[in-house]
N, C-alpha and C. Protein backbone atom coordinates (compact mmCIF):
# COMPACT_ATOMS: atom_id res chain seq x y z
N MET A 1 11.19 20.02 8.31
CA MET A 1 9.95 19.48 8.84
C MET A 1 10.17 19.09 10.29
N PRO A 2 9.24 19.43 11.18
CA PRO A 2 9.38 19.05 12.59
C PRO A 2 9.46 17.54 12.77
N VAL A 3 10.23 17.13 13.75
CA VAL A 3 10.44 15.71 14.01
C VAL A 3 9.13 15.01 14.32
N ALA A 4 8.23 15.65 15.04
CA ALA A 4 6.96 15.03 15.41
C ALA A 4 6.17 14.64 14.17
N LEU A 5 6.16 15.49 13.15
CA LEU A 5 5.44 15.15 11.92
C LEU A 5 6.12 14.01 11.19
N GLU A 6 7.45 13.98 11.19
CA GLU A 6 8.17 12.92 10.51
C GLU A 6 7.88 11.57 11.15
N VAL A 7 7.82 11.53 12.47
CA VAL A 7 7.51 10.29 13.17
C VAL A 7 6.08 9.86 12.87
N GLU A 8 5.18 10.80 12.73
CA GLU A 8 3.79 10.50 12.46
C GLU A 8 3.60 9.86 11.09
N ARG A 9 4.40 10.25 10.11
CA ARG A 9 4.25 9.75 8.75
C ARG A 9 4.94 8.42 8.51
N SER A 10 5.83 8.02 9.39
CA SER A 10 6.61 6.81 9.19
C SER A 10 6.40 5.86 10.35
N PHE A 11 6.55 4.59 10.06
CA PHE A 11 6.58 3.63 11.14
C PHE A 11 7.53 2.51 10.76
N LEU A 12 8.19 1.95 11.76
CA LEU A 12 9.21 0.94 11.54
C LEU A 12 8.61 -0.44 11.67
N LEU A 13 9.13 -1.34 10.85
CA LEU A 13 8.70 -2.73 10.88
C LEU A 13 9.92 -3.62 10.94
N LYS A 14 9.80 -4.74 11.58
CA LYS A 14 10.86 -5.74 11.57
C LYS A 14 10.44 -6.83 10.60
N ASP A 15 11.33 -7.17 9.65
CA ASP A 15 11.00 -8.26 8.74
C ASP A 15 11.50 -9.57 9.35
N LEU A 16 11.31 -10.67 8.62
CA LEU A 16 11.63 -11.98 9.17
C LEU A 16 13.12 -12.15 9.44
N SER A 17 13.98 -11.49 8.67
CA SER A 17 15.42 -11.63 8.87
C SER A 17 15.92 -10.78 10.04
N GLY A 18 15.05 -9.96 10.62
CA GLY A 18 15.44 -9.13 11.75
C GLY A 18 15.85 -7.73 11.37
N SER A 19 15.97 -7.45 10.07
CA SER A 19 16.32 -6.09 9.67
C SER A 19 15.09 -5.20 9.77
N THR A 20 15.32 -3.91 9.88
CA THR A 20 14.23 -2.97 10.08
C THR A 20 13.81 -2.36 8.76
N LEU A 21 12.53 -2.37 8.49
CA LEU A 21 11.97 -1.71 7.32
C LEU A 21 11.23 -0.47 7.78
N MET A 22 11.32 0.57 7.00
CA MET A 22 10.60 1.78 7.35
C MET A 22 9.55 2.05 6.28
N LEU A 23 8.31 2.13 6.67
CA LEU A 23 7.23 2.47 5.75
C LEU A 23 6.91 3.94 5.91
N THR A 24 6.95 4.66 4.82
CA THR A 24 6.61 6.07 4.82
C THR A 24 5.39 6.25 3.95
N THR A 25 4.50 7.13 4.34
CA THR A 25 3.28 7.36 3.59
C THR A 25 3.53 8.33 2.45
N ILE A 26 3.04 7.99 1.27
CA ILE A 26 3.07 8.90 0.13
C ILE A 26 1.92 9.87 0.31
N ARG A 27 2.20 11.15 0.20
CA ARG A 27 1.16 12.15 0.43
C ARG A 27 0.93 13.07 -0.76
N LYS A 28 1.92 13.24 -1.62
CA LYS A 28 1.79 14.19 -2.72
C LYS A 28 1.11 13.56 -3.92
N ARG A 29 0.21 14.30 -4.52
CA ARG A 29 -0.52 13.82 -5.70
C ARG A 29 0.44 13.46 -6.82
N SER A 30 1.49 14.25 -7.00
CA SER A 30 2.45 14.00 -8.07
C SER A 30 3.14 12.65 -7.90
N GLU A 31 3.39 12.24 -6.66
CA GLU A 31 4.02 10.94 -6.42
C GLU A 31 3.06 9.79 -6.73
N PHE A 32 1.78 9.98 -6.42
CA PHE A 32 0.77 8.99 -6.79
C PHE A 32 0.70 8.85 -8.31
N LEU A 33 0.64 9.98 -9.00
CA LEU A 33 0.54 9.97 -10.46
C LEU A 33 1.79 9.38 -11.10
N ASN A 34 2.96 9.67 -10.54
CA ASN A 34 4.20 9.13 -11.07
C ASN A 34 4.21 7.60 -10.95
N CYS A 35 3.78 7.09 -9.83
CA CYS A 35 3.75 5.65 -9.63
C CYS A 35 2.75 4.99 -10.58
N ALA A 36 1.62 5.65 -10.80
CA ALA A 36 0.63 5.11 -11.73
C ALA A 36 1.15 5.14 -13.16
N ALA A 37 1.96 6.14 -13.49
CA ALA A 37 2.45 6.29 -14.86
C ALA A 37 3.57 5.29 -15.18
N ILE A 38 4.52 5.12 -14.27
CA ILE A 38 5.68 4.29 -14.59
C ILE A 38 5.67 2.94 -13.88
N GLY A 39 4.76 2.75 -12.94
CA GLY A 39 4.77 1.54 -12.13
C GLY A 39 4.10 0.36 -12.80
N GLN A 40 4.35 -0.81 -12.21
CA GLN A 40 3.67 -2.01 -12.65
C GLN A 40 2.34 -2.10 -11.91
N LYS A 41 1.33 -2.62 -12.60
CA LYS A 41 -0.02 -2.61 -12.06
C LYS A 41 -0.58 -4.02 -12.03
N TRP A 42 -1.33 -4.31 -10.99
CA TRP A 42 -2.10 -5.54 -10.93
C TRP A 42 -3.40 -5.24 -10.20
N HIS A 43 -4.47 -5.87 -10.62
CA HIS A 43 -5.74 -5.63 -9.94
C HIS A 43 -6.40 -6.94 -9.59
N THR A 44 -7.17 -6.89 -8.53
CA THR A 44 -8.01 -8.00 -8.09
C THR A 44 -9.44 -7.47 -8.03
N LYS A 45 -10.35 -8.24 -7.48
CA LYS A 45 -11.73 -7.78 -7.37
C LYS A 45 -11.86 -6.59 -6.42
N THR A 46 -10.95 -6.50 -5.46
CA THR A 46 -11.09 -5.49 -4.43
C THR A 46 -10.03 -4.40 -4.45
N LEU A 47 -8.89 -4.63 -5.11
CA LEU A 47 -7.76 -3.70 -5.05
C LEU A 47 -7.11 -3.51 -6.41
N ILE A 48 -6.50 -2.35 -6.57
CA ILE A 48 -5.56 -2.11 -7.66
C ILE A 48 -4.25 -1.73 -6.98
N ILE A 49 -3.16 -2.36 -7.38
CA ILE A 49 -1.87 -2.08 -6.76
C ILE A 49 -0.88 -1.66 -7.84
N TYR A 50 -0.21 -0.54 -7.59
CA TYR A 50 0.89 -0.07 -8.43
C TYR A 50 2.17 -0.17 -7.62
N ILE A 51 3.24 -0.65 -8.26
CA ILE A 51 4.54 -0.70 -7.63
C ILE A 51 5.55 -0.06 -8.57
N CYS A 52 6.34 0.86 -8.04
CA CYS A 52 7.39 1.48 -8.85
C CYS A 52 8.61 1.73 -7.97
N PRO A 53 9.80 1.73 -8.57
CA PRO A 53 11.01 1.99 -7.79
C PRO A 53 11.09 3.46 -7.38
N ASN A 54 11.72 3.71 -6.25
CA ASN A 54 12.00 5.09 -5.84
C ASN A 54 13.49 5.23 -5.56
N SER A 55 13.94 6.43 -5.36
CA SER A 55 15.37 6.67 -5.16
C SER A 55 15.78 6.55 -3.69
N LEU A 56 14.86 6.22 -2.83
CA LEU A 56 15.12 6.11 -1.40
C LEU A 56 15.34 4.66 -1.02
N GLU A 57 15.90 4.44 0.14
CA GLU A 57 16.10 3.08 0.63
C GLU A 57 15.01 2.70 1.63
N GLU A 58 13.79 3.02 1.29
CA GLU A 58 12.68 2.71 2.18
C GLU A 58 11.46 2.36 1.34
N ILE A 59 10.53 1.71 1.99
CA ILE A 59 9.25 1.40 1.34
C ILE A 59 8.32 2.57 1.61
N ARG A 60 7.73 3.10 0.54
CA ARG A 60 6.72 4.15 0.71
C ARG A 60 5.40 3.59 0.22
N ILE A 61 4.33 3.96 0.89
CA ILE A 61 3.03 3.40 0.54
C ILE A 61 1.97 4.49 0.57
N GLY A 62 1.06 4.44 -0.41
CA GLY A 62 -0.04 5.38 -0.47
C GLY A 62 -1.35 4.63 -0.62
N TYR A 63 -2.39 5.20 -0.06
CA TYR A 63 -3.71 4.56 -0.07
C TYR A 63 -4.70 5.51 -0.71
N THR A 64 -5.57 4.97 -1.57
CA THR A 64 -6.63 5.76 -2.17
C THR A 64 -7.94 5.01 -1.99
N VAL A 65 -8.89 5.67 -1.35
CA VAL A 65 -10.24 5.12 -1.21
C VAL A 65 -11.18 6.25 -1.60
N SER A 66 -11.73 6.16 -2.79
CA SER A 66 -12.54 7.26 -3.32
C SER A 66 -14.01 7.13 -2.91
N LYS A 67 -14.78 8.11 -3.29
CA LYS A 67 -16.22 8.08 -2.99
C LYS A 67 -16.95 7.02 -3.81
N LYS A 68 -16.27 6.43 -4.79
CA LYS A 68 -16.88 5.31 -5.51
C LYS A 68 -17.03 4.10 -4.59
N VAL A 69 -16.15 3.99 -3.59
CA VAL A 69 -16.23 2.89 -2.64
C VAL A 69 -17.42 3.10 -1.71
N SER A 70 -17.55 4.30 -1.17
CA SER A 70 -18.68 4.65 -0.32
C SER A 70 -18.74 6.17 -0.20
N LYS A 71 -19.94 6.68 -0.14
CA LYS A 71 -20.10 8.12 0.03
C LYS A 71 -19.87 8.55 1.47
N LEU A 72 -19.90 7.58 2.38
CA LEU A 72 -19.72 7.88 3.80
C LEU A 72 -18.24 7.84 4.18
N ALA A 73 -17.76 8.90 4.79
CA ALA A 73 -16.36 8.98 5.21
C ALA A 73 -16.03 7.88 6.22
N VAL A 74 -16.99 7.51 7.04
CA VAL A 74 -16.77 6.46 8.03
C VAL A 74 -16.37 5.16 7.34
N ASP A 75 -17.07 4.82 6.27
CA ASP A 75 -16.77 3.59 5.54
C ASP A 75 -15.43 3.68 4.82
N ARG A 76 -15.15 4.82 4.21
CA ARG A 76 -13.86 4.99 3.52
C ARG A 76 -12.71 4.89 4.50
N ASN A 77 -12.86 5.49 5.67
CA ASN A 77 -11.82 5.42 6.70
C ASN A 77 -11.63 3.99 7.21
N LYS A 78 -12.71 3.24 7.30
CA LYS A 78 -12.61 1.84 7.72
C LYS A 78 -11.78 1.05 6.72
N VAL A 79 -12.03 1.26 5.44
CA VAL A 79 -11.26 0.56 4.40
C VAL A 79 -9.79 0.96 4.49
N LYS A 80 -9.52 2.25 4.68
CA LYS A 80 -8.13 2.72 4.79
C LYS A 80 -7.42 2.10 6.00
N ARG A 81 -8.11 2.02 7.12
CA ARG A 81 -7.51 1.40 8.31
C ARG A 81 -7.17 -0.06 8.05
N ARG A 82 -8.06 -0.75 7.36
CA ARG A 82 -7.81 -2.15 7.05
C ARG A 82 -6.63 -2.30 6.09
N LEU A 83 -6.53 -1.41 5.10
CA LEU A 83 -5.41 -1.46 4.15
C LEU A 83 -4.09 -1.17 4.86
N ARG A 84 -4.09 -0.21 5.78
CA ARG A 84 -2.86 0.09 6.53
C ARG A 84 -2.43 -1.11 7.37
N ALA A 85 -3.39 -1.78 8.00
CA ALA A 85 -3.08 -2.96 8.81
C ALA A 85 -2.53 -4.08 7.94
N ILE A 86 -3.10 -4.26 6.78
CA ILE A 86 -2.62 -5.30 5.86
C ILE A 86 -1.21 -4.98 5.39
N ALA A 87 -0.95 -3.72 5.06
CA ALA A 87 0.39 -3.33 4.61
C ALA A 87 1.43 -3.57 5.71
N ARG A 88 1.10 -3.23 6.95
CA ARG A 88 2.03 -3.47 8.07
C ARG A 88 2.31 -4.96 8.25
N GLU A 89 1.33 -5.78 7.93
CA GLU A 89 1.46 -7.22 8.12
C GLU A 89 2.18 -7.89 6.95
N VAL A 90 1.89 -7.47 5.73
CA VAL A 90 2.36 -8.18 4.54
C VAL A 90 3.69 -7.65 4.00
N LEU A 91 3.88 -6.35 4.00
CA LEU A 91 5.07 -5.79 3.36
C LEU A 91 6.40 -6.17 4.00
N PRO A 92 6.50 -6.42 5.30
CA PRO A 92 7.80 -6.87 5.82
C PRO A 92 8.26 -8.18 5.18
N GLU A 93 7.33 -9.06 4.84
CA GLU A 93 7.68 -10.33 4.22
C GLU A 93 7.84 -10.20 2.71
N ASN A 94 6.95 -9.45 2.07
CA ASN A 94 6.86 -9.44 0.62
C ASN A 94 7.28 -8.14 -0.04
N GLY A 95 7.48 -7.08 0.72
CA GLY A 95 7.83 -5.79 0.14
C GLY A 95 9.32 -5.67 -0.10
N LYS A 96 9.68 -4.70 -0.94
CA LYS A 96 11.08 -4.45 -1.26
C LYS A 96 11.45 -3.02 -0.90
N ASN A 97 12.59 -2.86 -0.25
CA ASN A 97 13.08 -1.51 0.02
C ASN A 97 13.31 -0.79 -1.30
N GLY A 98 13.12 0.51 -1.29
CA GLY A 98 13.35 1.30 -2.49
C GLY A 98 12.21 1.24 -3.48
N HIS A 99 11.01 0.89 -3.02
CA HIS A 99 9.85 0.82 -3.90
C HIS A 99 8.67 1.58 -3.29
N ASP A 100 7.86 2.14 -4.18
CA ASP A 100 6.61 2.78 -3.78
C ASP A 100 5.46 1.82 -4.08
N TYR A 101 4.50 1.76 -3.19
CA TYR A 101 3.31 0.95 -3.36
C TYR A 101 2.11 1.88 -3.26
N VAL A 102 1.26 1.85 -4.27
CA VAL A 102 0.01 2.61 -4.23
C VAL A 102 -1.13 1.60 -4.27
N ILE A 103 -1.98 1.64 -3.27
CA ILE A 103 -3.11 0.72 -3.17
C ILE A 103 -4.39 1.51 -3.35
N ILE A 104 -5.17 1.12 -4.34
CA ILE A 104 -6.45 1.77 -4.62
C ILE A 104 -7.55 0.76 -4.32
N ALA A 105 -8.45 1.12 -3.44
CA ALA A 105 -9.55 0.23 -3.07
C ALA A 105 -10.68 0.34 -4.09
N LYS A 106 -11.29 -0.79 -4.39
CA LYS A 106 -12.49 -0.83 -5.23
C LYS A 106 -13.70 -1.03 -4.32
N PHE A 107 -14.88 -0.90 -4.90
CA PHE A 107 -16.13 -0.98 -4.13
C PHE A 107 -16.24 -2.26 -3.29
N PRO A 108 -15.93 -3.46 -3.82
CA PRO A 108 -16.10 -4.66 -2.99
C PRO A 108 -15.21 -4.72 -1.75
N ALA A 109 -14.19 -3.88 -1.66
CA ALA A 109 -13.30 -3.89 -0.49
C ALA A 109 -14.05 -3.57 0.79
N LEU A 110 -15.12 -2.82 0.68
CA LEU A 110 -15.89 -2.41 1.85
C LEU A 110 -16.55 -3.60 2.54
N SER A 111 -17.06 -4.54 1.77
CA SER A 111 -17.79 -5.66 2.36
C SER A 111 -16.95 -6.94 2.46
N ARG A 112 -15.73 -6.89 1.99
CA ARG A 112 -14.87 -8.08 1.99
C ARG A 112 -14.30 -8.32 3.39
N LYS A 113 -14.15 -9.58 3.76
CA LYS A 113 -13.54 -9.93 5.04
C LYS A 113 -12.08 -9.50 5.04
N PHE A 114 -11.56 -9.20 6.22
CA PHE A 114 -10.17 -8.77 6.36
C PHE A 114 -9.21 -9.82 5.80
N SER A 115 -9.45 -11.09 6.13
CA SER A 115 -8.55 -12.16 5.67
C SER A 115 -8.57 -12.28 4.15
N ASP A 116 -9.73 -12.09 3.54
CA ASP A 116 -9.82 -12.15 2.08
C ASP A 116 -9.13 -10.95 1.43
N LEU A 117 -9.25 -9.80 2.05
CA LEU A 117 -8.57 -8.60 1.55
C LEU A 117 -7.05 -8.78 1.62
N ARG A 118 -6.58 -9.38 2.71
CA ARG A 118 -5.15 -9.65 2.86
C ARG A 118 -4.67 -10.63 1.79
N GLU A 119 -5.46 -11.66 1.52
CA GLU A 119 -5.08 -12.62 0.48
C GLU A 119 -5.07 -11.97 -0.90
N ASP A 120 -6.01 -11.07 -1.17
CA ASP A 120 -6.00 -10.33 -2.44
C ASP A 120 -4.72 -9.52 -2.58
N PHE A 121 -4.30 -8.87 -1.50
CA PHE A 121 -3.08 -8.06 -1.52
C PHE A 121 -1.86 -8.94 -1.79
N LYS A 122 -1.76 -10.06 -1.07
CA LYS A 122 -0.63 -10.98 -1.27
C LYS A 122 -0.62 -11.53 -2.69
N TYR A 123 -1.79 -11.89 -3.20
CA TYR A 123 -1.91 -12.42 -4.55
C TYR A 123 -1.41 -11.40 -5.58
N ALA A 124 -1.83 -10.16 -5.43
CA ALA A 124 -1.41 -9.11 -6.37
C ALA A 124 0.10 -8.91 -6.31
N LEU A 125 0.68 -8.93 -5.12
CA LEU A 125 2.14 -8.77 -5.00
C LEU A 125 2.87 -9.92 -5.68
N ARG A 126 2.37 -11.14 -5.51
CA ARG A 126 3.00 -12.30 -6.16
C ARG A 126 2.91 -12.18 -7.68
N LYS A 127 1.77 -11.74 -8.18
CA LYS A 127 1.58 -11.62 -9.62
C LYS A 127 2.49 -10.55 -10.21
N ILE A 128 2.62 -9.43 -9.53
CA ILE A 128 3.51 -8.38 -10.02
C ILE A 128 4.95 -8.87 -10.01
N GLU A 129 5.33 -9.60 -8.98
CA GLU A 129 6.68 -10.16 -8.91
C GLU A 129 6.92 -11.11 -10.08
N GLY A 130 5.90 -11.87 -10.46
CA GLY A 130 6.00 -12.78 -11.60
C GLY A 130 6.14 -12.04 -12.92
N GLN A 131 5.55 -10.86 -13.03
CA GLN A 131 5.66 -10.06 -14.26
C GLN A 131 7.07 -9.56 -14.48
N LYS A 132 7.79 -9.26 -13.40
CA LYS A 132 9.13 -8.70 -13.52
C LYS A 132 10.10 -9.68 -14.15
N SER A 133 9.88 -10.96 -13.92
CA SER A 133 10.81 -11.98 -14.41
C SER A 133 10.78 -12.11 -15.91
C-alpha cells in the first residue's frame, strides 16, 4: 500500500503519560462484523459501542452512521466528523492499545450537543470497562 494512503488512514495521538497512540480506521466489513460478533457491547441513547481485542499494538476505530440517522449525506457526515473528533479526544485517556472500537450512531446523535455526545461515549467506555471485571 502506498505510504500516502497509510498516512491518510492513521493518525497519532499523545496520551497523558506522553506515549504515542496510533488510531487506525477500520475499513473492511468483515472487521466490523468480527468486532460485533466477539466484542463487548454497550449502548446509550445516541451510540452503540463495540470493543474487541485485536492482534495489533494499536487502537483501531470504525464509525457507522446509517440512513436511519438521516437520509441526507450532509447530516451523516456531520455525525461522523463529530464522532471522529470525540474519539481523538477521549481514546488517548480511556482507550487501550490492541483493541478495536466500533461506534454506531443512533438517530438522536444528529441533534445531540457535542459535549453530551462526548459524555455518552465516555459513559459507555466506563460501563464496558466495568463489565470486564
